[in-house]
Amino acid sequence: GAKSLTRIGSDLTSAPMEISNLGIAPTSFYVGDVSVEENA
């Protein structure tokens, strides 16, 4: 809905984030994960 990355904490609140350079990517992703080695 927000067409952006969202962050969810232990209070279970979904908070869409303001991401720079979103224009270089498609408007949706269904494959993703967070790296173990870096916070990305």
PDB file of all heavy atoms in Angstrom:
ATOM      1  N   GLY A   1       0.818  -1.209   0.000  1.00  0.00           N
ATOM      2  CA  GLY A   1       0.000   0.000   0.000  1.00  0.00           C
ATOM      3  C   GLY A   1       0.846   1.250   0.000  1.00  0.00           C
ATOM      4  O   GLY A   1       0.595   2.197  -0.755  1.00  0.00           O
ATOM      5  N   ALA A   2       1.865   1.275   0.852  1.00  0.00           N
ATOM      6  CA  ALA A   2       2.752   2.441   0.935  1.00  0.00           C
ATOM      7  C   ALA A   2       3.800   2.445  -0.163  1.00  0.00           C
ATOM      8  O   ALA A   2       4.465   3.461  -0.383  1.00  0.00           O
ATOM      9  CB  ALA A   2       3.439   2.468   2.299  1.00  0.00           C
ATOM     10  N   LYS A   3       3.972   1.286  -0.831  1.00  0.00           N
ATOM     11  CA  LYS A   3       4.984   1.135  -1.874  1.00  0.00           C
ATOM     12  C   LYS A   3       6.372   1.483  -1.341  1.00  0.00           C
ATOM     13  O   LYS A   3       7.167   2.156  -1.999  1.00  0.00           O
ATOM     14  CB  LYS A   3       4.644   1.982  -3.094  1.00  0.00           C
ATOM     15  CG  LYS A   3       3.335   1.578  -3.753  1.00  0.00           C
ATOM     16  CD  LYS A   3       3.026   2.436  -4.986  1.00  0.00           C
ATOM     17  CE  LYS A   3       1.690   2.014  -5.596  1.00  0.00           C
ATOM     18  NZ  LYS A   3       1.347   2.824  -6.791  1.00  0.00           N
ATOM     19  N   SER A   4       6.602   0.990  -0.122  1.00  0.00           N
ATOM     20  CA  SER A   4       7.883   1.259   0.528  1.00  0.00           C
ATOM     21  C   SER A   4       8.142   0.181   1.571  1.00  0.00           C
ATOM     22  O   SER A   4       7.268  -0.641   1.885  1.00  0.00           O
ATOM     23  CB  SER A   4       7.864   2.649   1.192  1.00  0.00           C
ATOM     24  OG  SER A   4       9.116   2.934   1.804  1.00  0.00           O
ATOM     25  N   LEU A   5       9.337   0.209   2.111  1.00  0.00           N
ATOM     26  CA  LEU A   5       9.687  -0.721   3.177  1.00  0.00           C
ATOM     27  C   LEU A   5       9.001  -0.293   4.472  1.00  0.00           C
ATOM     28  O   LEU A   5       8.846   0.902   4.735  1.00  0.00           O
ATOM     29  CB  LEU A   5      11.203  -0.739   3.372  1.00  0.00           C
ATOM     30  CG  LEU A   5      11.784  -1.930   4.140  1.00  0.00           C
ATOM     31  CD1 LEU A   5      11.600  -3.220   3.351  1.00  0.00           C
ATOM     32  CD2 LEU A   5      13.268  -1.696   4.432  1.00  0.00           C
ATOM     33  N   THR A   6       8.584  -1.260   5.270  1.00  0.00           N
ATOM     34  CA  THR A   6       7.968  -0.962   6.551  1.00  0.00           C
ATOM     35  C   THR A   6       8.728  -1.670   7.658  1.00  0.00           C
ATOM     36  O   THR A   6       9.389  -2.689   7.419  1.00  0.00           O
ATOM     37  CB  THR A   6       6.484  -1.380   6.577  1.00  0.00           C
ATOM     38  OG1 THR A   6       5.873  -0.894   7.781  1.00  0.00           O
ATOM     39  CG2 THR A   6       6.339  -2.894   6.538  1.00  0.00           C
ATOM     40  N   ARG A   7       8.654  -1.120   8.863  1.00  0.00           N
ATOM     41  CA  ARG A   7       9.323  -1.700  10.018  1.00  0.00           C
ATOM     42  C   ARG A   7       8.275  -2.087  11.059  1.00  0.00           C
ATOM     43  O   ARG A   7       7.357  -1.317  11.339  1.00  0.00           O
ATOM     44  CB  ARG A   7      10.321  -0.709  10.614  1.00  0.00           C
ATOM     45  CG  ARG A   7      11.136  -1.302  11.756  1.00  0.00           C
ATOM     46  CD  ARG A   7      12.297  -0.412  12.156  1.00  0.00           C
ATOM     47  NE  ARG A   7      11.871   0.788  12.863  1.00  0.00           N
ATOM     48  CZ  ARG A   7      12.726   1.665  13.403  1.00  0.00           C
ATOM     49  NH1 ARG A   7      14.036   1.485  13.286  1.00  0.00           N
ATOM     50  NH2 ARG A   7      12.279   2.738  14.025  1.00  0.00           N
ATOM     51  N   ILE A   8       8.429  -3.293  11.640  1.00  0.00           N
ATOM     52  CA  ILE A   8       7.478  -3.800  12.627  1.00  0.00           C
ATOM     53  C   ILE A   8       8.248  -4.147  13.886  1.00  0.00           C
ATOM     54  O   ILE A   8       9.216  -4.905  13.844  1.00  0.00           O
ATOM     55  CB  ILE A   8       6.734  -5.046  12.104  1.00  0.00           C
ATOM     56  CG1 ILE A   8       5.994  -4.715  10.804  1.00  0.00           C
ATOM     57  CG2 ILE A   8       5.766  -5.584  13.150  1.00  0.00           C
ATOM     58  CD1 ILE A   8       5.405  -5.933  10.114  1.00  0.00           C
ATOM     59  N   GLY A   9       7.825  -3.596  15.019  1.00  0.00           N
ATOM     60  CA  GLY A   9       8.462  -3.875  16.295  1.00  0.00           C
ATOM     61  C   GLY A   9       7.619  -4.791  17.151  1.00  0.00           C
ATOM     62  O   GLY A   9       6.586  -5.318  16.725  1.00  0.00           O
ATOM     63  N   SER A  10       8.040  -4.972  18.392  1.00  0.00           N
ATOM     64  CA  SER A  10       7.356  -5.890  19.291  1.00  0.00           C
ATOM     65  C   SER A  10       5.977  -5.385  19.690  1.00  0.00           C
ATOM     66  O   SER A  10       5.162  -6.143  20.208  1.00  0.00           O
ATOM     67  CB  SER A  10       8.196  -6.125  20.551  1.00  0.00           C
ATOM     68  OG  SER A  10       8.352  -4.913  21.275  1.00  0.00           O
ATOM     69  N   ASP A  11       5.700  -4.075  19.460  1.00  0.00           N
ATOM     70  CA  ASP A  11       4.356  -3.568  19.706  1.00  0.00           C
ATOM     71  C   ASP A  11       3.441  -3.876  18.527  1.00  0.00           C
ATOM     72  O   ASP A  11       2.271  -3.509  18.526  1.00  0.00           O
ATOM     73  CB  ASP A  11       4.390  -2.061  19.964  1.00  0.00           C
ATOM     74  CG  ASP A  11       5.086  -1.291  18.842  1.00  0.00           C
ATOM     75  OD1 ASP A  11       5.593  -1.935  17.903  1.00  0.00           O
ATOM     76  OD2 ASP A  11       5.133  -0.054  18.924  1.00  0.00           O
ATOM     77  N   LEU A  12       3.986  -4.576  17.527  1.00  0.00           N
ATOM     78  CA  LEU A  12       3.242  -5.035  16.353  1.00  0.00           C
ATOM     79  C   LEU A  12       2.590  -3.886  15.600  1.00  0.00           C
ATOM     80  O   LEU A  12       1.484  -4.001  15.097  1.00  0.00           O
ATOM     81  CB  LEU A  12       2.198  -6.092  16.766  1.00  0.00           C
ATOM     82  CG  LEU A  12       2.777  -7.286  17.523  1.00  0.00           C
ATOM     83  CD1 LEU A  12       1.712  -8.303  17.827  1.00  0.00           C
ATOM     84  CD2 LEU A  12       3.906  -7.921  16.736  1.00  0.00           C
ATOM     85  N   THR A  13       3.302  -2.788  15.522  1.00  0.00           N
ATOM     86  CA  THR A  13       2.863  -1.643  14.734  1.00  0.00           C
ATOM     87  C   THR A  13       3.674  -1.595  13.449  1.00  0.00           C
ATOM     88  O   THR A  13       4.901  -1.605  13.482  1.00  0.00           O
ATOM     89  CB  THR A  13       3.060  -0.331  15.512  1.00  0.00           C
ATOM     90  OG1 THR A  13       2.266  -0.370  16.693  1.00  0.00           O
ATOM     91  CG2 THR A  13       2.647   0.859  14.663  1.00  0.00           C
ATOM     92  N   SER A  14       3.004  -1.556  12.329  1.00  0.00           N
ATOM     93  CA  SER A  14       3.669  -1.470  11.035  1.00  0.00           C
ATOM     94  C   SER A  14       3.858  -0.003  10.673  1.00  0.00           C
ATOM     95  O   SER A  14       2.890   0.758  10.589  1.00  0.00           O
ATOM     96  CB  SER A  14       2.841  -2.176   9.964  1.00  0.00           C
ATOM     97  OG  SER A  14       3.430  -2.009   8.702  1.00  0.00           O
ATOM     98  N   ALA A  15       5.102   0.395  10.472  1.00  0.00           N
ATOM     99  CA  ALA A  15       5.420   1.801  10.210  1.00  0.00           C
ATOM    100  C   ALA A  15       6.176   1.928   8.898  1.00  0.00           C
ATOM    101  O   ALA A  15       7.391   1.706   8.843  1.00  0.00           O
ATOM    102  CB  ALA A  15       6.244   2.378  11.357  1.00  0.00           C
ATOM    103  N   PRO A  16       5.494   2.273   7.781  1.00  0.00           N
ATOM    104  CA  PRO A  16       6.194   2.473   6.511  1.00  0.00           C
ATOM    105  C   PRO A  16       7.292   3.522   6.638  1.00  0.00           C
ATOM    106  O   PRO A  16       7.134   4.540   7.322  1.00  0.00           O
ATOM    107  CB  PRO A  16       5.079   2.931   5.570  1.00  0.00           C
ATOM    108  CG  PRO A  16       3.834   2.329   6.156  1.00  0.00           C
ATOM    109  CD  PRO A  16       4.038   2.401   7.641  1.00  0.00           C
ATOM    110  N   MET A  17       8.410   3.269   5.974  1.00  0.00           N
ATOM    111  CA  MET A  17       9.599   4.102   6.130  1.00  0.00           C
ATOM    112  C   MET A  17       9.783   5.018   4.924  1.00  0.00           C
ATOM    113  O   MET A  17       9.340   4.718   3.814  1.00  0.00           O
ATOM    114  CB  MET A  17      10.831   3.204   6.303  1.00  0.00           C
ATOM    115  CG  MET A  17      10.725   2.240   7.477  1.00  0.00           C
ATOM    116  SD  MET A  17      11.981   0.923   7.422  1.00  0.00           S
ATOM    117  CE  MET A  17      13.483   1.886   7.548  1.00  0.00           C
ATOM    118  N   GLU A  18      10.454   6.136   5.147  1.00  0.00           N
ATOM    119  CA  GLU A  18      10.827   7.047   4.070  1.00  0.00           C
ATOM    120  C   GLU A  18      12.183   6.604   3.528  1.00  0.00           C
ATOM    121  O   GLU A  18      13.205   6.744   4.187  1.00  0.00           O
ATOM    122  CB  GLU A  18      10.878   8.485   4.581  1.00  0.00           C
ATOM    123  CG  GLU A  18       9.525   9.011   5.042  1.00  0.00           C
ATOM    124  CD  GLU A  18       9.599  10.444   5.528  1.00  0.00           C
ATOM    125  OE1 GLU A  18      10.714  11.023   5.459  1.00  0.00           O
ATOM    126  OE2 GLU A  18       8.575  10.972   5.981  1.00  0.00           O
ATOM    127  N   ILE A  19      12.167   6.058   2.338  1.00  0.00           N
ATOM    128  CA  ILE A  19      13.369   5.499   1.714  1.00  0.00           C
ATOM    129  C   ILE A  19      13.782   6.397   0.544  1.00  0.00           C
ATOM    130  O   ILE A  19      12.961   6.726  -0.326  1.00  0.00           O
ATOM    131  CB  ILE A  19      13.117   4.066   1.224  1.00  0.00           C
ATOM    132  CG1 ILE A  19      12.608   3.186   2.360  1.00  0.00           C
ATOM    133  CG2 ILE A  19      14.373   3.477   0.587  1.00  0.00           C
ATOM    134  CD1 ILE A  19      13.566   3.029   3.513  1.00  0.00           C
ATOM    135  N   SER A  20      15.036   6.764   0.507  1.00  0.00           N
ATOM    136  CA  SER A  20      15.529   7.569  -0.612  1.00  0.00           C
ATOM    137  C   SER A  20      15.868   6.671  -1.801  1.00  0.00           C
ATOM    138  O   SER A  20      16.188   5.502  -1.642  1.00  0.00           O
ATOM    139  CB  SER A  20      16.766   8.364  -0.186  1.00  0.00           C
ATOM    140  OG  SER A  20      17.814   7.503   0.222  1.00  0.00           O
ATOM    141  N   ASN A  21      15.769   7.233  -2.989  1.00  0.00           N
ATOM    142  CA  ASN A  21      16.090   6.547  -4.253  1.00  0.00           C
ATOM    143  C   ASN A  21      15.107   5.436  -4.584  1.00  0.00           C
ATOM    144  O   ASN A  21      15.451   4.482  -5.294  1.00  0.00           O
ATOM    145  CB  ASN A  21      17.508   5.976  -4.232  1.00  0.00           C
ATOM    146  CG  ASN A  21      18.565   7.036  -4.058  1.00  0.00           C
ATOM    147  OD1 ASN A  21      18.395   8.174  -4.506  1.00  0.00           O
ATOM    148  ND2 ASN A  21      19.653   6.681  -3.387  1.00  0.00           N
ATOM    149  N   LEU A  22      13.858   5.488  -4.092  1.00  0.00           N
ATOM    150  CA  LEU A  22      12.872   4.459  -4.414  1.00  0.00           C
ATOM    151  C   LEU A  22      12.583   4.386  -5.912  1.00  0.00           C
ATOM    152  O   LEU A  22      12.149   3.346  -6.412  1.00  0.00           O
ATOM    153  CB  LEU A  22      11.559   4.717  -3.662  1.00  0.00           C
ATOM    154  CG  LEU A  22      11.471   4.202  -2.224  1.00  0.00           C
ATOM    155  CD1 LEU A  22      10.129   4.570  -1.611  1.00  0.00           C
ATOM    156  CD2 LEU A  22      11.678   2.697  -2.183  1.00  0.00           C
ATOM    157  N   GLY A  23      12.838   5.459  -6.609  1.00  0.00           N
ATOM    158  CA  GLY A  23      12.511   5.498  -8.030  1.00  0.00           C
ATOM    159  C   GLY A  23      13.307   4.528  -8.876  1.00  0.00           C
ATOM    160  O   GLY A  23      12.937   4.246 -10.024  1.00  0.00           O
ATOM    161  N   ILE A  24      14.422   3.989  -8.345  1.00  0.00           N
ATOM    162  CA  ILE A  24      15.242   3.079  -9.145  1.00  0.00           C
ATOM    163  C   ILE A  24      14.698   1.653  -9.125  1.00  0.00           C
ATOM    164  O   ILE A  24      15.208   0.785  -9.839  1.00  0.00           O
ATOM    165  CB  ILE A  24      16.694   3.071  -8.652  1.00  0.00           C
ATOM    166  CG1 ILE A  24      16.790   2.464  -7.241  1.00  0.00           C
ATOM    167  CG2 ILE A  24      17.285   4.466  -8.672  1.00  0.00           C
ATOM    168  CD1 ILE A  24      18.209   2.272  -6.759  1.00  0.00           C
ATOM    169  N   ALA A  25      13.686   1.395  -8.287  1.00  0.00           N
ATOM    170  CA  ALA A  25      13.208   0.028  -8.072  1.00  0.00           C
ATOM    171  C   ALA A  25      11.760  -0.110  -8.491  1.00  0.00           C
ATOM    172  O   ALA A  25      11.046   0.887  -8.672  1.00  0.00           O
ATOM    173  CB  ALA A  25      13.360  -0.340  -6.590  1.00  0.00           C
ATOM    174  N   PRO A  26      11.277  -1.336  -8.665  1.00  0.00           N
ATOM    175  CA  PRO A  26       9.849  -1.549  -8.909  1.00  0.00           C
ATOM    176  C   PRO A  26       9.044  -1.139  -7.679  1.00  0.00           C
ATOM    177  O   PRO A  26       9.597  -0.928  -6.594  1.00  0.00           O
ATOM    178  CB  PRO A  26       9.754  -3.050  -9.172  1.00  0.00           C
ATOM    179  CG  PRO A  26      10.936  -3.632  -8.477  1.00  0.00           C
ATOM    180  CD  PRO A  26      12.013  -2.614  -8.605  1.00  0.00           C
ATOM    181  N   THR A  27       7.738  -1.020  -7.851  1.00  0.00           N
ATOM    182  CA  THR A  27       6.898  -0.550  -6.744  1.00  0.00           C
ATOM    183  C   THR A  27       6.531  -1.657  -5.770  1.00  0.00           C
ATOM    184  O   THR A  27       5.895  -1.384  -4.739  1.00  0.00           O
ATOM    185  CB  THR A  27       5.609   0.069  -7.297  1.00  0.00           C
ATOM    186  OG1 THR A  27       4.923  -0.904  -8.101  1.00  0.00           O
ATOM    187  CG2 THR A  27       5.932   1.314  -8.124  1.00  0.00           C
ATOM    188  N   SER A  28       6.908  -2.891  -6.066  1.00  0.00           N
ATOM    189  CA  SER A  28       6.583  -3.984  -5.134  1.00  0.00           C
ATOM    190  C   SER A  28       7.662  -5.062  -5.183  1.00  0.00           C
ATOM    191  O   SER A  28       8.286  -5.284  -6.214  1.00  0.00           O
ATOM    192  CB  SER A  28       5.212  -4.594  -5.467  1.00  0.00           C
ATOM    193  OG  SER A  28       5.217  -5.173  -6.761  1.00  0.00           O
ATOM    194  N   PHE A  29       7.850  -5.713  -4.014  1.00  0.00           N
ATOM    195  CA  PHE A  29       8.763  -6.853  -3.882  1.00  0.00           C
ATOM    196  C   PHE A  29       8.037  -7.969  -3.124  1.00  0.00           C
ATOM    197  O   PHE A  29       7.362  -7.708  -2.126  1.00  0.00           O
ATOM    198  CB  PHE A  29      10.021  -6.470  -3.085  1.00  0.00           C
ATOM    199  CG  PHE A  29      10.989  -5.587  -3.811  1.00  0.00           C
ATOM    200  CD1 PHE A  29      10.894  -4.205  -3.711  1.00  0.00           C
ATOM    201  CD2 PHE A  29      11.999  -6.136  -4.587  1.00  0.00           C
ATOM    202  CE1 PHE A  29      11.790  -3.383  -4.365  1.00  0.00           C
ATOM    203  CE2 PHE A  29      12.910  -5.322  -5.244  1.00  0.00           C
ATOM    204  CZ  PHE A  29      12.804  -3.935  -5.143  1.00  0.00           C
ATOM    205  N   TYR A  30       8.193  -9.192  -3.588  1.00  0.00           N
ATOM    206  CA  TYR A  30       7.669 -10.323  -2.822  1.00  0.00           C
ATOM    207  C   TYR A  30       8.781 -11.279  -2.395  1.00  0.00           C
ATOM    208  O   TYR A  30       8.527 -12.304  -1.784  1.00  0.00           O
ATOM    209  CB  TYR A  30       6.589 -11.085  -3.594  1.00  0.00           C
ATOM    210  CG  TYR A  30       6.986 -11.561  -4.976  1.00  0.00           C
ATOM    211  CD1 TYR A  30       7.660 -12.768  -5.162  1.00  0.00           C
ATOM    212  CD2 TYR A  30       6.664 -10.804  -6.097  1.00  0.00           C
ATOM    213  CE1 TYR A  30       8.023 -13.204  -6.413  1.00  0.00           C
ATOM    214  CE2 TYR A  30       7.016 -11.234  -7.367  1.00  0.00           C
ATOM    215  CZ  TYR A  30       7.694 -12.430  -7.524  1.00  0.00           C
ATOM    216  OH  TYR A  30       8.045 -12.860  -8.783  1.00  0.00           O
ATOM    217  N   VAL A  31      10.045 -10.921  -2.713  1.00  0.00           N
ATOM    218  CA  VAL A  31      11.201 -11.706  -2.290  1.00  0.00           C
ATOM    219  C   VAL A  31      12.149 -10.778  -1.543  1.00  0.00           C
ATOM    220  O   VAL A  31      12.575  -9.762  -2.102  1.00  0.00           O
ATOM    221  CB  VAL A  31      11.921 -12.344  -3.494  1.00  0.00           C
ATOM    222  CG1 VAL A  31      13.154 -13.118  -3.027  1.00  0.00           C
ATOM    223  CG2 VAL A  31      10.983 -13.254  -4.264  1.00  0.00           C
ATOM    224  N   GLY A  32      12.449 -11.106  -0.291  1.00  0.00           N
ATOM    225  CA  GLY A  32      13.340 -10.247   0.465  1.00  0.00           C
ATOM    226  C   GLY A  32      13.789 -10.875   1.765  1.00  0.00           C
ATOM    227  O   GLY A  32      13.181 -11.828   2.257  1.00  0.00           O
ATOM    228  N   ASP A  33      14.870 -10.318   2.317  1.00  0.00           N
ATOM    229  CA  ASP A  33      15.359 -10.749   3.628  1.00  0.00           C
ATOM    230  C   ASP A  33      16.342  -9.699   4.132  1.00  0.00           C
ATOM    231  O   ASP A  33      16.832  -8.866   3.366  1.00  0.00           O
ATOM    232  CB  ASP A  33      16.029 -12.119   3.537  1.00  0.00           C
ATOM    233  CG  ASP A  33      16.286 -12.732   4.903  1.00  0.00           C
ATOM    234  OD1 ASP A  33      15.657 -12.283   5.873  1.00  0.00           O
ATOM    235  OD2 ASP A  33      17.119 -13.649   5.002  1.00  0.00           O
ATOM    236  N   VAL A  34      16.651  -9.789   5.431  1.00  0.00           N
ATOM    237  CA  VAL A  34      17.626  -8.886   6.044  1.00  0.00           C
ATOM    238  C   VAL A  34      18.920  -9.651   6.246  1.00  0.00           C
ATOM    239  O   VAL A  34      18.918 -10.790   6.737  1.00  0.00           O
ATOM    240  CB  VAL A  34      17.105  -8.339   7.384  1.00  0.00           C
ATOM    241  CG1 VAL A  34      18.159  -7.441   8.030  1.00  0.00           C
ATOM    242  CG2 VAL A  34      15.812  -7.562   7.177  1.00  0.00           C
ATOM    243  N   SER A  35      20.032  -9.039   5.871  1.00  0.00           N
ATOM    244  CA  SER A  35      21.338  -9.679   5.988  1.00  0.00           C
ATOM    245  C   SER A  35      21.676  -9.940   7.452  1.00  0.00           C
ATOM    246  O   SER A  35      21.296  -9.183   8.352  1.00  0.00           O
ATOM    247  CB  SER A  35      22.406  -8.780   5.369  1.00  0.00           C
ATOM    248  OG  SER A  35      23.702  -9.286   5.646  1.00  0.00           O
ATOM    249  N   VAL A  36      22.425 -11.021   7.672  1.00  0.00           N
ATOM    250  CA  VAL A  36      22.916 -11.320   9.013  1.00  0.00           C
ATOM    251  C   VAL A  36      24.207 -10.558   9.293  1.00  0.00           C
ATOM    252  O   VAL A  36      24.481 -10.182  10.432  1.00  0.00           O
ATOM    253  CB  VAL A  36      23.138 -12.844   9.180  1.00  0.00           C
ATOM    254  CG1 VAL A  36      23.727 -13.169  10.550  1.00  0.00           C
ATOM    255  CG2 VAL A  36      21.832 -13.602   8.981  1.00  0.00           C
ATOM    256  N   GLU A  37      24.977 -10.281   8.248  1.00  0.00           N
ATOM    257  CA  GLU A  37      26.269  -9.614   8.424  1.00  0.00           C
ATOM    258  C   GLU A  37      26.166  -8.099   8.497  1.00  0.00           C
ATOM    259  O   GLU A  37      27.027  -7.437   9.066  1.00  0.00           O
ATOM    260  CB  GLU A  37      27.210 -10.014   7.290  1.00  0.00           C
ATOM    261  CG  GLU A  37      27.608 -11.485   7.313  1.00  0.00           C
ATOM    262  CD  GLU A  37      28.675 -11.813   6.292  1.00  0.00           C
ATOM    263  OE1 GLU A  37      28.854 -11.012   5.346  1.00  0.00           O
ATOM    264  OE2 GLU A  37      29.338 -12.852   6.443  1.00  0.00           O
ATOM    265  N   GLU A  38      25.147  -7.515   7.894  1.00  0.00           N
ATOM    266  CA  GLU A  38      24.997  -6.055   7.867  1.00  0.00           C
ATOM    267  C   GLU A  38      23.528  -5.708   8.068  1.00  0.00           C
ATOM    268  O   GLU A  38      22.645  -6.496   7.729  1.00  0.00           O
ATOM    269  CB  GLU A  38      25.493  -5.496   6.527  1.00  0.00           C
ATOM    270  CG  GLU A  38      24.826  -6.168   5.340  1.00  0.00           C
ATOM    271  CD  GLU A  38      25.247  -5.591   4.015  1.00  0.00           C
ATOM    272  OE1 GLU A  38      25.608  -4.409   3.979  1.00  0.00           O
ATOM    273  OE2 GLU A  38      25.179  -6.326   3.019  1.00  0.00           O
ATOM    274  N   ASN A  39      23.268  -4.556   8.611  1.00  0.00           N
ATOM    275  CA  ASN A  39      21.890  -4.132   8.852  1.00  0.00           C
ATOM    276  C   ASN A  39      21.326  -3.528   7.576  1.00  0.00           C
ATOM    277  O   ASN A  39      21.224  -2.309   7.417  1.00  0.00           O
ATOM    278  CB  ASN A  39      21.831  -3.129  10.001  1.00  0.00           C
ATOM    279  CG  ASN A  39      20.415  -2.995  10.549  1.00  0.00           C
ATOM    280  OD1 ASN A  39      19.542  -3.795  10.242  1.00  0.00           O
ATOM    281  ND2 ASN A  39      20.193  -1.979  11.376  1.00  0.00           N
ATOM    282  N   ALA A  40      20.978  -4.426   6.675  1.00  0.00           N
ATOM    283  CA  ALA A  40      20.475  -4.003   5.369  1.00  0.00           C
ATOM    284  C   ALA A  40      19.451  -5.006   4.877  1.00  0.00           C
ATOM    285  O   ALA A  40      19.634  -6.223   5.033  1.00  0.00           O
ATOM    286  CB  ALA A  40      21.619  -3.866   4.365  1.00  0.00           C
TER     287      ALA A  40
END
